[in-house]
Amino acid sequence: DGRYLLKDNPTEPTQKMLFGRRVVVVSNRVLKTKSGKAPVIVGDLKEAIVLFDRQQQSIASTDVGAGAFETNTTKVRAIEREDVKLWDSEAAVYGQLTLEETAK
């Protein structure tokens, strides 16, 4: 069926493997295919980037401003401060595969 390199993972039937490594398929909504090229990320993204949770949250509410008075509602705003930084630039590699159009 054209997927000769992709093998089923015997321990997890919904996962696939390539050369003994787990393959994670991400939808086109997250990684878009552009100009006949499909994005591919090889590596460990958990080692490549780090997420900093600044432990700073703020919550505010109003029943007067932002149109709340006119609509007889209470509006609430929550802000959480987080940051993402590159940790190891060699832990993952970004590439693109050229897609061939199939004849219809």
PDB file of N, CA and C in Angstrom:
ATOM      1  N   ASP A   1       0.804  -1.209   0.000  1.00  0.00           N
ATOM      2  CA  ASP A   1       0.000   0.000   0.000  1.00  0.00           C
ATOM      3  C   ASP A   1       0.846   1.272   0.000  1.00  0.00           C
ATOM      4  N   GLY A   2       2.104   1.170  -0.405  1.00  0.00           N
ATOM      5  CA  GLY A   2       2.936   2.361  -0.516  1.00  0.00           C
ATOM      6  C   GLY A   2       3.567   2.810   0.780  1.00  0.00           C
ATOM      7  N   ARG A   3       3.401   2.054   1.883  1.00  0.00           N
ATOM      8  CA  ARG A   3       3.977   2.442   3.164  1.00  0.00           C
ATOM      9  C   ARG A   3       4.981   1.388   3.622  1.00  0.00           C
ATOM     10  N   TYR A   4       5.844   0.963   2.741  1.00  0.00           N
ATOM     11  CA  TYR A   4       6.740  -0.143   3.052  1.00  0.00           C
ATOM     12  C   TYR A   4       7.742   0.175   4.160  1.00  0.00           C
ATOM     13  N   LEU A   5       8.082   1.420   4.372  1.00  0.00           N
ATOM     14  CA  LEU A   5       9.016   1.779   5.441  1.00  0.00           C
ATOM     15  C   LEU A   5       8.319   1.913   6.790  1.00  0.00           C
ATOM     16  N   LEU A   6       7.051   2.253   6.782  1.00  0.00           N
ATOM     17  CA  LEU A   6       6.295   2.469   8.001  1.00  0.00           C
ATOM     18  C   LEU A   6       5.757   1.138   8.509  1.00  0.00           C
ATOM     19  N   LYS A   7       6.099   0.774   9.731  1.00  0.00           N
ATOM     20  CA  LYS A   7       5.685  -0.495  10.321  1.00  0.00           C
ATOM     21  C   LYS A   7       4.768  -0.244  11.510  1.00  0.00           C
ATOM     22  N   ASP A   8       3.905  -1.214  11.799  1.00  0.00           N
ATOM     23  CA  ASP A   8       3.063  -1.132  12.987  1.00  0.00           C
ATOM     24  C   ASP A   8       3.915  -1.355  14.229  1.00  0.00           C
ATOM     25  N   ASN A   9       3.587  -0.637  15.290  1.00  0.00           N
ATOM     26  CA  ASN A   9       4.239  -0.829  16.574  1.00  0.00           C
ATOM     27  C   ASN A   9       3.553  -2.009  17.259  1.00  0.00           C
ATOM     28  N   PRO A  10       4.265  -3.090  17.550  1.00  0.00           N
ATOM     29  CA  PRO A  10       3.609  -4.264  18.121  1.00  0.00           C
ATOM     30  C   PRO A  10       3.008  -4.028  19.502  1.00  0.00           C
ATOM     31  N   THR A  11       3.538  -3.070  20.263  1.00  0.00           N
ATOM     32  CA  THR A  11       2.997  -2.809  21.602  1.00  0.00           C
ATOM     33  C   THR A  11       1.849  -1.817  21.584  1.00  0.00           C
ATOM     34  N   GLU A  12       1.777  -0.976  20.551  1.00  0.00           N
ATOM     35  CA  GLU A  12       0.713   0.027  20.408  1.00  0.00           C
ATOM     36  C   GLU A  12       0.208  -0.010  18.979  1.00  0.00           C
ATOM     37  N   PRO A  13      -0.904  -0.696  18.699  1.00  0.00           N
ATOM     38  CA  PRO A  13      -1.365  -0.864  17.320  1.00  0.00           C
ATOM     39  C   PRO A  13      -1.708   0.437  16.592  1.00  0.00           C
ATOM     40  N   THR A  14      -1.980   1.520  17.312  1.00  0.00           N
ATOM     41  CA  THR A  14      -2.320   2.784  16.649  1.00  0.00           C
ATOM     42  C   THR A  14      -1.089   3.594  16.275  1.00  0.00           C
ATOM     43  N   GLN A  15       0.091   3.178  16.728  1.00  0.00           N
ATOM     44  CA  GLN A  15       1.325   3.903  16.436  1.00  0.00           C
ATOM     45  C   GLN A  15       2.090   3.225  15.305  1.00  0.00           C
ATOM     46  N   LYS A  16       2.934   3.992  14.650  1.00  0.00           N
ATOM     47  CA  LYS A  16       3.781   3.495  13.572  1.00  0.00           C
ATOM     48  C   LYS A  16       5.246   3.658  13.961  1.00  0.00           C
ATOM     49  N   MET A  17       6.109   2.878  13.295  1.00  0.00           N
ATOM     50  CA  MET A  17       7.539   2.938  13.558  1.00  0.00           C
ATOM     51  C   MET A  17       8.297   3.023  12.238  1.00  0.00           C
ATOM     52  N   LEU A  18       9.447   3.713  12.278  1.00  0.00           N
ATOM     53  CA  LEU A  18      10.339   3.826  11.127  1.00  0.00           C
ATOM     54  C   LEU A  18      11.738   3.507  11.621  1.00  0.00           C
ATOM     55  N   PHE A  19      12.340   2.437  11.103  1.00  0.00           N
ATOM     56  CA  PHE A  19      13.667   1.994  11.531  1.00  0.00           C
ATOM     57  C   PHE A  19      13.736   1.798  13.045  1.00  0.00           C
ATOM     58  N   GLY A  20      12.659   1.280  13.637  1.00  0.00           N
ATOM     59  CA  GLY A  20      12.627   0.997  15.069  1.00  0.00           C
ATOM     60  C   GLY A  20      12.338   2.186  15.949  1.00  0.00           C
ATOM     61  N   ARG A  21      12.093   3.336  15.360  1.00  0.00           N
ATOM     62  CA  ARG A  21      11.781   4.544  16.134  1.00  0.00           C
ATOM     63  C   ARG A  21      10.317   4.910  15.949  1.00  0.00           C
ATOM     64  N   ARG A  22       9.708   5.441  17.002  1.00  0.00           N
ATOM     65  CA  ARG A  22       8.300   5.823  16.950  1.00  0.00           C
ATOM     66  C   ARG A  22       8.104   7.018  16.031  1.00  0.00           C
ATOM     67  N   VAL A  23       7.060   6.964  15.216  1.00  0.00           N
ATOM     68  CA  VAL A  23       6.699   8.051  14.306  1.00  0.00           C
ATOM     69  C   VAL A  23       5.434   8.705  14.838  1.00  0.00           C
ATOM     70  N   VAL A  24       5.463  10.015  15.004  1.00  0.00           N
ATOM     71  CA  VAL A  24       4.294  10.761  15.453  1.00  0.00           C
ATOM     72  C   VAL A  24       3.765  11.528  14.252  1.00  0.00           C
ATOM     73  N   VAL A  25       2.551  11.250  13.870  1.00  0.00           N
ATOM     74  CA  VAL A  25       1.927  11.927  12.738  1.00  0.00           C
ATOM     75  C   VAL A  25       1.140  13.116  13.281  1.00  0.00           C
ATOM     76  N   VAL A  26       1.393  14.288  12.707  1.00  0.00           N
ATOM     77  CA  VAL A  26       0.729  15.516  13.122  1.00  0.00           C
ATOM     78  C   VAL A  26      -0.151  15.973  11.965  1.00  0.00           C
ATOM     79  N   SER A  27      -1.325  16.466  12.282  1.00  0.00           N
ATOM     80  CA  SER A  27      -2.264  16.868  11.238  1.00  0.00           C
ATOM     81  C   SER A  27      -1.744  18.070  10.451  1.00  0.00           C
ATOM     82  N   ASN A  28      -2.268  18.244   9.247  1.00  0.00           N
ATOM     83  CA  ASN A  28      -1.903  19.385   8.411  1.00  0.00           C
ATOM     84  C   ASN A  28      -2.329  20.708   9.032  1.00  0.00           C
ATOM     85  N   ARG A  29      -3.236  20.664   9.956  1.00  0.00           N
ATOM     86  CA  ARG A  29      -3.656  21.884  10.647  1.00  0.00           C
ATOM     87  C   ARG A  29      -2.501  22.442  11.486  1.00  0.00           C
ATOM     88  N   VAL A  30      -1.676  21.552  12.029  1.00  0.00           N
ATOM     89  CA  VAL A  30      -0.551  21.969  12.868  1.00  0.00           C
ATOM     90  C   VAL A  30       0.696  22.253  12.027  1.00  0.00           C
ATOM     91  N   LEU A  31       1.068  21.315  11.162  1.00  0.00           N
ATOM     92  CA  LEU A  31       2.207  21.484  10.258  1.00  0.00           C
ATOM     93  C   LEU A  31       1.671  21.471   8.830  1.00  0.00           C
ATOM     94  N   LYS A  32       1.548  22.617   8.238  1.00  0.00           N
ATOM     95  CA  LYS A  32       0.921  22.740   6.925  1.00  0.00           C
ATOM     96  C   LYS A  32       1.862  22.332   5.793  1.00  0.00           C
ATOM     97  N   THR A  33       1.304  21.632   4.805  1.00  0.00           N
ATOM     98  CA  THR A  33       2.011  21.306   3.579  1.00  0.00           C
ATOM     99  C   THR A  33       1.882  22.503   2.646  1.00  0.00           C
ATOM    100  N   LYS A  34       3.036  23.018   2.167  1.00  0.00           N
ATOM    101  CA  LYS A  34       3.027  24.200   1.310  1.00  0.00           C
ATOM    102  C   LYS A  34       3.821  23.935   0.045  1.00  0.00           C
ATOM    103  N   SER A  35       3.295  24.368  -1.074  1.00  0.00           N
ATOM    104  CA  SER A  35       3.985  24.305  -2.370  1.00  0.00           C
ATOM    105  C   SER A  35       4.507  22.910  -2.689  1.00  0.00           C
ATOM    106  N   GLY A  36       3.712  21.892  -2.374  1.00  0.00           N
ATOM    107  CA  GLY A  36       4.103  20.523  -2.681  1.00  0.00           C
ATOM    108  C   GLY A  36       5.202  19.967  -1.799  1.00  0.00           C
ATOM    109  N   LYS A  37       5.437  20.599  -0.641  1.00  0.00           N
ATOM    110  CA  LYS A  37       6.461  20.116   0.286  1.00  0.00           C
ATOM    111  C   LYS A  37       5.832  19.854   1.644  1.00  0.00           C
ATOM    112  N   ALA A  38       6.148  18.686   2.204  1.00  0.00           N
ATOM    113  CA  ALA A  38       5.622  18.305   3.516  1.00  0.00           C
ATOM    114  C   ALA A  38       6.713  18.500   4.567  1.00  0.00           C
ATOM    115  N   PRO A  39       6.402  19.166   5.681  1.00  0.00           N
ATOM    116  CA  PRO A  39       7.400  19.364   6.730  1.00  0.00           C
ATOM    117  C   PRO A  39       7.650  18.064   7.501  1.00  0.00           C
ATOM    118  N   VAL A  40       8.905  17.870   7.901  1.00  0.00           N
ATOM    119  CA  VAL A  40       9.303  16.705   8.681  1.00  0.00           C
ATOM    120  C   VAL A  40      10.235  17.187   9.788  1.00  0.00           C
ATOM    121  N   ILE A  41       9.959  16.759  11.009  1.00  0.00           N
ATOM    122  CA  ILE A  41      10.832  17.071  12.140  1.00  0.00           C
ATOM    123  C   ILE A  41      11.365  15.749  12.673  1.00  0.00           C
ATOM    124  N   VAL A  42      12.683  15.621  12.713  1.00  0.00           N
ATOM    125  CA  VAL A  42      13.326  14.407  13.200  1.00  0.00           C
ATOM    126  C   VAL A  42      14.098  14.778  14.462  1.00  0.00           C
ATOM    127  N   GLY A  43      13.831  14.065  15.542  1.00  0.00           N
ATOM    128  CA  GLY A  43      14.558  14.315  16.781  1.00  0.00           C
ATOM    129  C   GLY A  43      13.641  14.292  17.969  1.00  0.00           C
ATOM    130  N   ASP A  44      14.124  14.837  19.057  1.00  0.00           N
ATOM    131  CA  ASP A  44      13.401  14.855  20.322  1.00  0.00           C
ATOM    132  C   ASP A  44      13.089  16.304  20.692  1.00  0.00           C
ATOM    133  N   LEU A  45      11.848  16.708  20.470  1.00  0.00           N
ATOM    134  CA  LEU A  45      11.471  18.098  20.754  1.00  0.00           C
ATOM    135  C   LEU A  45      11.498  18.408  22.248  1.00  0.00           C
ATOM    136  N   LYS A  46      11.372  17.385  23.096  1.00  0.00           N
ATOM    137  CA  LYS A  46      11.454  17.623  24.540  1.00  0.00           C
ATOM    138  C   LYS A  46      12.869  18.032  24.953  1.00  0.00           C
ATOM    139  N   GLU A  47      13.856  17.630  24.167  1.00  0.00           N
ATOM    140  CA  GLU A  47      15.244  18.045  24.425  1.00  0.00           C
ATOM    141  C   GLU A  47      15.577  19.348  23.702  1.00  0.00           C
ATOM    142  N   ALA A  48      14.868  19.652  22.630  1.00  0.00           N
ATOM    143  CA  ALA A  48      15.181  20.829  21.819  1.00  0.00           C
ATOM    144  C   ALA A  48      14.666  22.123  22.447  1.00  0.00           C
ATOM    145  N   ILE A  49      13.509  22.059  23.069  1.00  0.00           N
ATOM    146  CA  ILE A  49      12.928  23.273  23.656  1.00  0.00           C
ATOM    147  C   ILE A  49      12.576  23.027  25.113  1.00  0.00           C
ATOM    148  N   VAL A  50      12.450  24.096  25.848  1.00  0.00           N
ATOM    149  CA  VAL A  50      12.043  23.988  27.248  1.00  0.00           C
ATOM    150  C   VAL A  50      10.928  25.005  27.495  1.00  0.00           C
ATOM    151  N   LEU A  51       9.942  24.585  28.260  1.00  0.00           N
ATOM    152  CA  LEU A  51       8.805  25.440  28.607  1.00  0.00           C
ATOM    153  C   LEU A  51       9.001  25.951  30.024  1.00  0.00           C
ATOM    154  N   PHE A  52       9.008  27.260  30.173  1.00  0.00           N
ATOM    155  CA  PHE A  52       9.124  27.878  31.488  1.00  0.00           C
ATOM    156  C   PHE A  52       7.748  28.345  31.924  1.00  0.00           C
ATOM    157  N   ASP A  53       7.284  27.829  33.032  1.00  0.00           N
ATOM    158  CA  ASP A  53       6.037  28.295  33.631  1.00  0.00           C
ATOM    159  C   ASP A  53       6.417  29.311  34.701  1.00  0.00           C
ATOM    160  N   ARG A  54       6.137  30.564  34.451  1.00  0.00           N
ATOM    161  CA  ARG A  54       6.589  31.643  35.333  1.00  0.00           C
ATOM    162  C   ARG A  54       5.792  31.722  36.639  1.00  0.00           C
ATOM    163  N   GLN A  55       4.797  30.857  36.786  1.00  0.00           N
ATOM    164  CA  GLN A  55       3.987  30.824  38.014  1.00  0.00           C
ATOM    165  C   GLN A  55       3.388  32.189  38.336  1.00  0.00           C
ATOM    166  N   GLN A  56       3.039  32.905  37.274  1.00  0.00           N
ATOM    167  CA  GLN A  56       2.406  34.209  37.462  1.00  0.00           C
ATOM    168  C   GLN A  56       1.068  34.198  36.753  1.00  0.00           C
ATOM    169  N   GLN A  57       0.011  34.253  37.511  1.00  0.00           N
ATOM    170  CA  GLN A  57      -1.322  34.311  36.942  1.00  0.00           C
ATOM    171  C   GLN A  57      -2.027  35.562  37.478  1.00  0.00           C
ATOM    172  N   SER A  58      -2.891  36.100  36.656  1.00  0.00           N
ATOM    173  CA  SER A  58      -3.721  37.212  37.130  1.00  0.00           C
ATOM    174  C   SER A  58      -5.134  36.998  36.610  1.00  0.00           C
ATOM    175  N   ILE A  59      -6.089  37.294  37.462  1.00  0.00           N
ATOM    176  CA  ILE A  59      -7.499  37.173  37.109  1.00  0.00           C
ATOM    177  C   ILE A  59      -8.175  38.495  37.468  1.00  0.00           C
ATOM    178  N   ALA A  60      -8.968  39.008  36.545  1.00  0.00           N
ATOM    179  CA  ALA A  60      -9.703  40.251  36.784  1.00  0.00           C
ATOM    180  C   ALA A  60     -11.120  40.085  36.259  1.00  0.00           C
ATOM    181  N   SER A  61     -12.044  40.756  36.905  1.00  0.00           N
ATOM    182  CA  SER A  61     -13.439  40.693  36.447  1.00  0.00           C
ATOM    183  C   SER A  61     -14.045  42.090  36.516  1.00  0.00           C
ATOM    184  N   THR A  62     -15.094  42.278  35.720  1.00  0.00           N
ATOM    185  CA  THR A  62     -15.809  43.554  35.742  1.00  0.00           C
ATOM    186  C   THR A  62     -17.272  43.319  35.393  1.00  0.00           C
ATOM    187  N   ASP A  63     -18.128  44.083  36.008  1.00  0.00           N
ATOM    188  CA  ASP A  63     -19.542  44.088  35.621  1.00  0.00           C
ATOM    189  C   ASP A  63     -19.938  45.481  35.118  1.00  0.00           C
ATOM    190  N   VAL A  64     -18.902  46.324  34.890  1.00  0.00           N
ATOM    191  CA  VAL A  64     -19.154  47.683  34.439  1.00  0.00           C
ATOM    192  C   VAL A  64     -18.556  47.918  33.051  1.00  0.00           C
ATOM    193  N   GLY A  65     -17.265  47.602  32.888  1.00  0.00           N
ATOM    194  CA  GLY A  65     -16.565  47.888  31.643  1.00  0.00           C
ATOM    195  C   GLY A  65     -16.718  46.804  30.595  1.00  0.00           C
ATOM    196  N   ALA A  66     -16.151  47.061  29.402  1.00  0.00           N
ATOM    197  CA  ALA A  66     -16.110  46.116  28.278  1.00  0.00           C
ATOM    198  C   ALA A  66     -17.495  45.664  27.845  1.00  0.00           C
ATOM    199  N   GLY A  67     -18.480  46.527  28.011  1.00  0.00           N
ATOM    200  CA  GLY A  67     -19.836  46.197  27.577  1.00  0.00           C
ATOM    201  C   GLY A  67     -20.607  45.337  28.554  1.00  0.00           C
ATOM    202  N   ALA A  68     -20.028  45.026  29.714  1.00  0.00           N
ATOM    203  CA  ALA A  68     -20.710  44.161  30.681  1.00  0.00           C
ATOM    204  C   ALA A  68     -21.937  44.856  31.270  1.00  0.00           C
ATOM    205  N   PHE A  69     -21.841  46.148  31.507  1.00  0.00           N
ATOM    206  CA  PHE A  69     -22.982  46.875  32.086  1.00  0.00           C
ATOM    207  C   PHE A  69     -24.175  46.855  31.143  1.00  0.00           C
ATOM    208  N   GLU A  70     -23.925  47.077  29.852  1.00  0.00           N
ATOM    209  CA  GLU A  70     -25.006  47.125  28.873  1.00  0.00           C
ATOM    210  C   GLU A  70     -25.687  45.771  28.683  1.00  0.00           C
ATOM    211  N   THR A  71     -24.951  44.695  28.873  1.00  0.00           N
ATOM    212  CA  THR A  71     -25.520  43.358  28.658  1.00  0.00           C
ATOM    213  C   THR A  71     -25.851  42.641  29.959  1.00  0.00           C
ATOM    214  N   ASN A  72     -25.687  43.319  31.108  1.00  0.00           N
ATOM    215  CA  ASN A  72     -25.996  42.765  32.420  1.00  0.00           C
ATOM    216  C   ASN A  72     -25.227  41.463  32.661  1.00  0.00           C
ATOM    217  N   THR A  73     -23.921  41.498  32.382  1.00  0.00           N
ATOM    218  CA  THR A  73     -23.069  40.323  32.562  1.00  0.00           C
ATOM    219  C   THR A  73     -21.830  40.700  33.359  1.00  0.00           C
ATOM    220  N   THR A  74     -21.102  39.696  33.775  1.00  0.00           N
ATOM    221  CA  THR A  74     -19.797  39.888  34.403  1.00  0.00           C
ATOM    222  C   THR A  74     -18.762  39.265  33.486  1.00  0.00           C
ATOM    223  N   LYS A  75     -17.770  40.041  33.101  1.00  0.00           N
ATOM    224  CA  LYS A  75     -16.721  39.552  32.210  1.00  0.00           C
ATOM    225  C   LYS A  75     -15.483  39.253  33.042  1.00  0.00           C
ATOM    226  N   VAL A  76     -14.816  38.136  32.700  1.00  0.00           N
ATOM    227  CA  VAL A  76     -13.642  37.676  33.436  1.00  0.00           C
ATOM    228  C   VAL A  76     -12.468  37.533  32.469  1.00  0.00           C
ATOM    229  N   ARG A  77     -11.290  37.956  32.916  1.00  0.00           N
ATOM    230  CA  ARG A  77     -10.067  37.823  32.133  1.00  0.00           C
ATOM    231  C   ARG A  77      -9.030  37.092  32.978  1.00  0.00           C
ATOM    232  N   ALA A  78      -8.384  36.079  32.384  1.00  0.00           N
ATOM    233  CA  ALA A  78      -7.317  35.339  33.065  1.00  0.00           C
ATOM    234  C   ALA A  78      -6.066  35.382  32.198  1.00  0.00           C
ATOM    235  N   ILE A  79      -4.932  35.675  32.808  1.00  0.00           N
ATOM    236  CA  ILE A  79      -3.656  35.734  32.105  1.00  0.00           C
ATOM    237  C   ILE A  79      -2.676  34.828  32.837  1.00  0.00           C
ATOM    238  N   GLU A  80      -1.982  33.962  32.054  1.00  0.00           N
ATOM    239  CA  GLU A  80      -0.951  33.098  32.627  1.00  0.00           C
ATOM    240  C   GLU A  80       0.335  33.346  31.866  1.00  0.00           C
ATOM    241  N   ARG A  81       1.425  33.549  32.562  1.00  0.00           N
ATOM    242  CA  ARG A  81       2.695  33.873  31.917  1.00  0.00           C
ATOM    243  C   ARG A  81       3.548  32.622  31.772  1.00  0.00           C
ATOM    244  N   GLU A  82       3.861  32.283  30.506  1.00  0.00           N
ATOM    245  CA  GLU A  82       4.735  31.157  30.191  1.00  0.00           C
ATOM    246  C   GLU A  82       5.717  31.607  29.117  1.00  0.00           C
ATOM    247  N   ASP A  83       6.788  30.855  28.965  1.00  0.00           N
ATOM    248  CA  ASP A  83       7.793  31.196  27.965  1.00  0.00           C
ATOM    249  C   ASP A  83       8.378  29.906  27.399  1.00  0.00           C
ATOM    250  N   VAL A  84       8.757  29.923  26.135  1.00  0.00           N
ATOM    251  CA  VAL A  84       9.387  28.782  25.477  1.00  0.00           C
ATOM    252  C   VAL A  84      10.731  29.247  24.924  1.00  0.00           C
ATOM    253  N   LYS A  85      11.795  28.483  25.207  1.00  0.00           N
ATOM    254  CA  LYS A  85      13.141  28.839  24.742  1.00  0.00           C
ATOM    255  C   LYS A  85      13.793  27.631  24.080  1.00  0.00           C
ATOM    256  N   LEU A  86      14.644  27.902  23.094  1.00  0.00           N
ATOM    257  CA  LEU A  86      15.451  26.866  22.471  1.00  0.00           C
ATOM    258  C   LEU A  86      16.484  26.392  23.487  1.00  0.00           C
ATOM    259  N   TRP A  87      16.551  25.080  23.716  1.00  0.00           N
ATOM    260  CA  TRP A  87      17.454  24.534  24.716  1.00  0.00           C
ATOM    261  C   TRP A  87      18.654  23.858  24.052  1.00  0.00           C
ATOM    262  N   ASP A  88      18.379  22.968  23.074  1.00  0.00           N
ATOM    263  CA  ASP A  88      19.447  22.248  22.372  1.00  0.00           C
ATOM    264  C   ASP A  88      19.128  22.260  20.886  1.00  0.00           C
ATOM    265  N   SER A  89      19.833  23.075  20.132  1.00  0.00           N
ATOM    266  CA  SER A  89      19.535  23.243  18.705  1.00  0.00           C
ATOM    267  C   SER A  89      19.861  21.994  17.887  1.00  0.00           C
ATOM    268  N   GLU A  90      20.614  21.062  18.445  1.00  0.00           N
ATOM    269  CA  GLU A  90      20.969  19.846  17.717  1.00  0.00           C
ATOM    270  C   GLU A  90      20.084  18.658  18.082  1.00  0.00           C
ATOM    271  N   ALA A  91      19.100  18.840  18.940  1.00  0.00           N
ATOM    272  CA  ALA A  91      18.236  17.744  19.367  1.00  0.00           C
ATOM    273  C   ALA A  91      17.172  17.403  18.332  1.00  0.00           C
ATOM    274  N   ALA A  92      16.878  18.328  17.426  1.00  0.00           N
ATOM    275  CA  ALA A  92      15.873  18.085  16.387  1.00  0.00           C
ATOM    276  C   ALA A  92      16.300  18.789  15.107  1.00  0.00           C
ATOM    277  N   VAL A  93      15.901  18.199  13.982  1.00  0.00           N
ATOM    278  CA  VAL A  93      16.227  18.753  12.666  1.00  0.00           C
ATOM    279  C   VAL A  93      14.931  18.921  11.890  1.00  0.00           C
ATOM    280  N   TYR A  94      14.775  20.076  11.256  1.00  0.00           N
ATOM    281  CA  TYR A  94      13.599  20.354  10.432  1.00  0.00           C
ATOM    282  C   TYR A  94      13.972  20.151   8.970  1.00  0.00           C
ATOM    283  N   GLY A  95      13.101  19.472   8.243  1.00  0.00           N
ATOM    284  CA  GLY A  95      13.327  19.270   6.819  1.00  0.00           C
ATOM    285  C   GLY A  95      12.005  19.260   6.064  1.00  0.00           C
ATOM    286  N   GLN A  96      12.065  19.131   4.757  1.00  0.00           N
ATOM    287  CA  GLN A  96      10.877  19.081   3.928  1.00  0.00           C
ATOM    288  C   GLN A  96      11.008  17.952   2.915  1.00  0.00           C
ATOM    289  N   LEU A  97       9.917  17.265   2.680  1.00  0.00           N
ATOM    290  CA  LEU A  97       9.847  16.231   1.656  1.00  0.00           C
ATOM    291  C   LEU A  97       9.059  16.764   0.478  1.00  0.00           C
ATOM    292  N   THR A  98       9.587  16.583  -0.721  1.00  0.00           N
ATOM    293  CA  THR A  98       8.845  16.986  -1.918  1.00  0.00           C
ATOM    294  C   THR A  98       7.814  15.923  -2.229  1.00  0.00           C
ATOM    295  N   LEU A  99       6.565  16.352  -2.368  1.00  0.00           N
ATOM    296  CA  LEU A  99       5.469  15.425  -2.638  1.00  0.00           C
ATOM    297  C   LEU A  99       5.245  15.303  -4.136  1.00  0.00           C
ATOM    298  N   GLU A 100       5.022  14.096  -4.576  1.00  0.00           N
ATOM    299  CA  GLU A 100       4.688  13.872  -5.976  1.00  0.00           C
ATOM    300  C   GLU A 100       3.181  13.828  -6.100  1.00  0.00           C
ATOM    301  N   GLU A 101       2.660  14.452  -7.136  1.00  0.00           N
ATOM    302  CA  GLU A 101       1.224  14.399  -7.369  1.00  0.00           C
ATOM    303  C   GLU A 101       0.876  13.062  -7.983  1.00  0.00           C
ATOM    304  N   THR A 102      -0.192  12.467  -7.483  1.00  0.00           N
ATOM    305  CA  THR A 102      -0.625  11.189  -8.018  1.00  0.00           C
ATOM    306  C   THR A 102      -1.579  11.438  -9.184  1.00  0.00           C
ATOM    307  N   ALA A 103      -1.473  10.611 -10.191  1.00  0.00           N
ATOM    308  CA  ALA A 103      -2.343  10.744 -11.362  1.00  0.00           C
ATOM    309  C   ALA A 103      -3.750  10.339 -10.984  1.00  0.00           C
ATOM    310  N   LYS A 104      -4.719  11.107 -11.446  1.00  0.00           N
ATOM    311  CA  LYS A 104      -6.118  10.823 -11.121  1.00  0.00           C
ATOM    312  C   LYS A 104      -6.813  10.139 -12.265  1.00  0.00           C
TER     313      LYS A 104
END
